C-alpha atoms as a PDB file:
ATOM      1  CA  MET A   1       0.000   0.000   0.000  1.00  0.00           C
ATOM      2  CA  LYS A   2       2.825   2.378   0.848  1.00  0.00           C
ATOM      3  CA  THR A   3       4.546   1.801  -2.515  1.00  0.00           C
ATOM      4  CA  LEU A   4       1.319   2.580  -4.362  1.00  0.00           C
ATOM      5  CA  SER A   5       1.040   5.950  -2.597  1.00  0.00           C
ATOM      6  CA  LYS A   6       4.675   6.715  -3.357  1.00  0.00           C
ATOM      7  CA  ALA A   7       4.159   5.848  -7.032  1.00  0.00           C
ATOM      8  CA  LYS A   8       1.134   8.167  -7.196  1.00  0.00           C
ATOM      9  CA  LEU A   9       3.112  10.931  -5.545  1.00  0.00           C
ATOM     10  CA  VAL A  10       5.984  10.553  -8.025  1.00  0.00           C
ATOM     11  CA  LEU A  11       3.535  10.510 -10.940  1.00  0.00           C
ATOM     12  CA  PHE A  12       1.757  13.606  -9.622  1.00  0.00           C
ATOM     13  CA  ALA A  13       5.045  15.467  -9.062  1.00  0.00           C
ATOM     14  CA  SER A  14       6.239  14.538 -12.551  1.00  0.00           C
ATOM     15  CA  ALA A  15       2.995  15.801 -14.067  1.00  0.00           C
ATOM     16  CA  ILE A  16       3.311  19.122 -12.216  1.00  0.00           C
ATOM     17  CA  VAL A  17       6.933  19.590 -13.339  1.00  0.00           C
ATOM     18  CA  LEU A  18       6.006  18.746 -16.941  1.00  0.00           C
ATOM     19  CA  LEU A  19       3.097  21.185 -16.823  1.00  0.00           C
ATOM     20  CA  LEU A  20       5.304  23.977 -15.470  1.00  0.00           C
ATOM     21  CA  LEU A  21       7.993  23.397 -18.078  1.00  0.00           C
ATOM     22  CA  THR A  22       5.573  23.388 -20.996  1.00  0.00           C
ATOM     23  CA  SER A  23       3.717  26.470 -19.770  1.00  0.00           C
ATOM     24  CA  CYS A  24       6.985  28.420 -19.852  1.00  0.00           C
ATOM     25  CA  ALA A  25       7.694  27.354 -23.429  1.00  0.00           C
ATOM     26  CA  VAL A  26       4.302  28.187 -24.934  1.00  0.00           C
ATOM     27  CA  GLU A  27       3.607  31.659 -26.242  1.00  0.00           C
ATOM     28  CA  GLY A  28       0.432  33.377 -25.179  1.00  0.00           C
ATOM     29  CA  GLY A  29      -2.658  33.770 -27.285  1.00  0.00           C
ATOM     30  CA  GLY A  30      -2.992  36.468 -29.905  1.00  0.00           C
ATOM     31  CA  ASN A  31      -4.863  38.939 -27.707  1.00  0.00           C
ATOM     32  CA  ASN A  32      -1.866  40.641 -26.109  1.00  0.00           C
ATOM     33  CA  PRO A  33      -2.236  44.411 -26.701  1.00  0.00           C
ATOM     34  CA  ASN A  34       1.540  44.880 -26.313  1.00  0.00           C
ATOM     35  CA  SER A  35       2.485  42.432 -29.062  1.00  0.00           C
ATOM     36  CA  MET A  36       3.957  43.810 -32.276  1.00  0.00           C
ATOM     37  CA  PRO A  37       1.858  43.528 -35.447  1.00  0.00           C
ATOM     38  CA  THR A  38       2.844  41.029 -38.111  1.00  0.00           C
ATOM     39  CA  ALA A  39       4.239  42.144 -41.462  1.00  0.00           C
ATOM     40  CA  ALA A  40       0.885  41.411 -43.121  1.00  0.00           C
ATOM     41  CA  GLU A  41      -0.979  43.503 -40.537  1.00  0.00           C
ATOM     42  CA  VAL A  42       1.437  46.401 -41.030  1.00  0.00           C
ATOM     43  CA  GLU A  43       1.077  46.205 -44.812  1.00  0.00           C
ATOM     44  CA  GLN A  44      -2.717  46.165 -44.574  1.00  0.00           C
ATOM     45  CA  TYR A  45      -2.747  49.113 -42.158  1.00  0.00           C
ATOM     46  CA  ASN A  46      -0.271  51.143 -44.254  1.00  0.00           C
ATOM     47  CA  ALA A  47      -2.452  50.723 -47.345  1.00  0.00           C
ATOM     48  CA  SER A  48      -5.332  52.534 -45.636  1.00  0.00           C
ATOM     49  CA  VAL A  49      -3.628  55.551 -43.996  1.00  0.00           C
ATOM     50  CA  ALA A  50      -1.725  58.692 -44.960  1.00  0.00           C
ATOM     51  CA  PRO A  51       2.050  58.350 -45.573  1.00  0.00           C
ATOM     52  CA  SER A  52       2.969  60.146 -42.333  1.00  0.00           C
ATOM     53  CA  GLU A  53       0.737  57.805 -40.329  1.00  0.00           C
ATOM     54  CA  ARG A  54       2.218  54.609 -41.740  1.00  0.00           C
ATOM     55  CA  ILE A  55       3.922  52.109 -39.487  1.00  0.00           C
ATOM     56  CA  ALA A  56       7.533  51.038 -39.962  1.00  0.00           C
ATOM     57  CA  CYS A  57       8.980  48.047 -38.108  1.00  0.00           C
ATOM     58  CA  ARG A  58      12.591  47.044 -37.585  1.00  0.00           C
ATOM     59  CA  ASN A  59      14.674  44.718 -35.437  1.00  0.00           C
ATOM     60  CA  GLU A  60      16.682  46.438 -32.705  1.00  0.00           C
ATOM     61  CA  ARG A  61      19.036  44.986 -30.140  1.00  0.00           C
ATOM     62  CA  PRO A  62      18.346  46.353 -26.661  1.00  0.00           C
ATOM     63  CA  VAL A  63      21.324  47.682 -24.724  1.00  0.00           C
ATOM     64  CA  GLY A  64      23.114  44.769 -23.063  1.00  0.00           C
ATOM     65  CA  SER A  65      21.567  42.093 -25.260  1.00  0.00           C
ATOM     66  CA  TYR A  66      22.442  40.373 -28.506  1.00  0.00           C
ATOM     67  CA  ILE A  67      18.865  39.229 -29.046  1.00  0.00           C
ATOM     68  CA  PRO A  68      17.028  41.506 -31.482  1.00  0.00           C
ATOM     69  CA  VAL A  69      13.506  42.649 -30.668  1.00  0.00           C
ATOM     70  CA  ARG A  70      11.002  43.753 -33.289  1.00  0.00           C
ATOM     71  CA  VAL A  71       9.816  47.310 -32.684  1.00  0.00           C
ATOM     72  CA  CYS A  72       7.236  49.266 -34.675  1.00  0.00           C
ATOM     73  CA  PHE A  73       6.652  53.016 -34.795  1.00  0.00           C
ATOM     74  CA  ARG A  74       4.608  55.432 -36.838  1.00  0.00           C
ATOM     75  CA  VAL A  75       6.736  57.273 -39.404  1.00  0.00           C
ATOM     76  CA  SER A  76       5.697  60.632 -37.942  1.00  0.00           C
ATOM     77  CA  ASP A  77       6.863  59.520 -34.474  1.00  0.00           C
ATOM     78  CA  MET A  78      10.216  58.353 -35.875  1.00  0.00           C
ATOM     79  CA  ARG A  79      10.750  61.737 -37.526  1.00  0.00           C
ATOM     80  CA  ARG A  80       9.805  63.615 -34.368  1.00  0.00           C
ATOM     81  CA  VAL A  81      12.200  61.565 -32.216  1.00  0.00           C
ATOM     82  CA  SER A  82      14.961  61.888 -34.812  1.00  0.00           C
ATOM     83  CA  ASP A  83      14.526  65.669 -34.934  1.00  0.00           C
ATOM     84  CA  LEU A  84      14.512  65.884 -31.143  1.00  0.00           C
ATOM     85  CA  GLN A  85      17.703  63.811 -30.852  1.00  0.00           C
ATOM     86  CA  ARG A  86      19.435  65.851 -33.556  1.00  0.00           C
ATOM     87  CA  ASP A  87      18.507  69.117 -31.825  1.00  0.00           C
ATOM     88  CA  GLU A  88      19.716  67.821 -28.450  1.00  0.00           C
ATOM     89  CA  LEU A  89      23.010  66.680 -29.961  1.00  0.00           C
ATOM     90  CA  ARG A  90      23.534  70.091 -31.564  1.00  0.00           C
ATOM     91  CA  ARG A  91      22.704  71.819 -28.279  1.00  0.00           C
ATOM     92  CA  VAL A  92      25.194  69.664 -26.353  1.00  0.00           C
ATOM     93  CA  LEU A  93      27.999  70.102 -28.899  1.00  0.00           C
ATOM     94  CA  ARG A  94      27.815  73.926 -28.950  1.00  0.00           C
END
């Protein structure tokens, strides 16, 4: 009787470990509002908006990492940030 309980306990513990390992490896569903749009979604969106409101995506490596992350921005936002950084650089170098 004692060996049967031990076998059940080992089986239960193994199932829990397997469940935890697989849950870490599976990506979430598609309803994450913070997820980046796919290339097809970007292309479809860009076809229906003005050129300054289009989305551009690129792969960037965060500081301290070699793993690239896909980031997407509106073209108007990219220009605004670029102008701001250029102005700040000029101000600092005066």
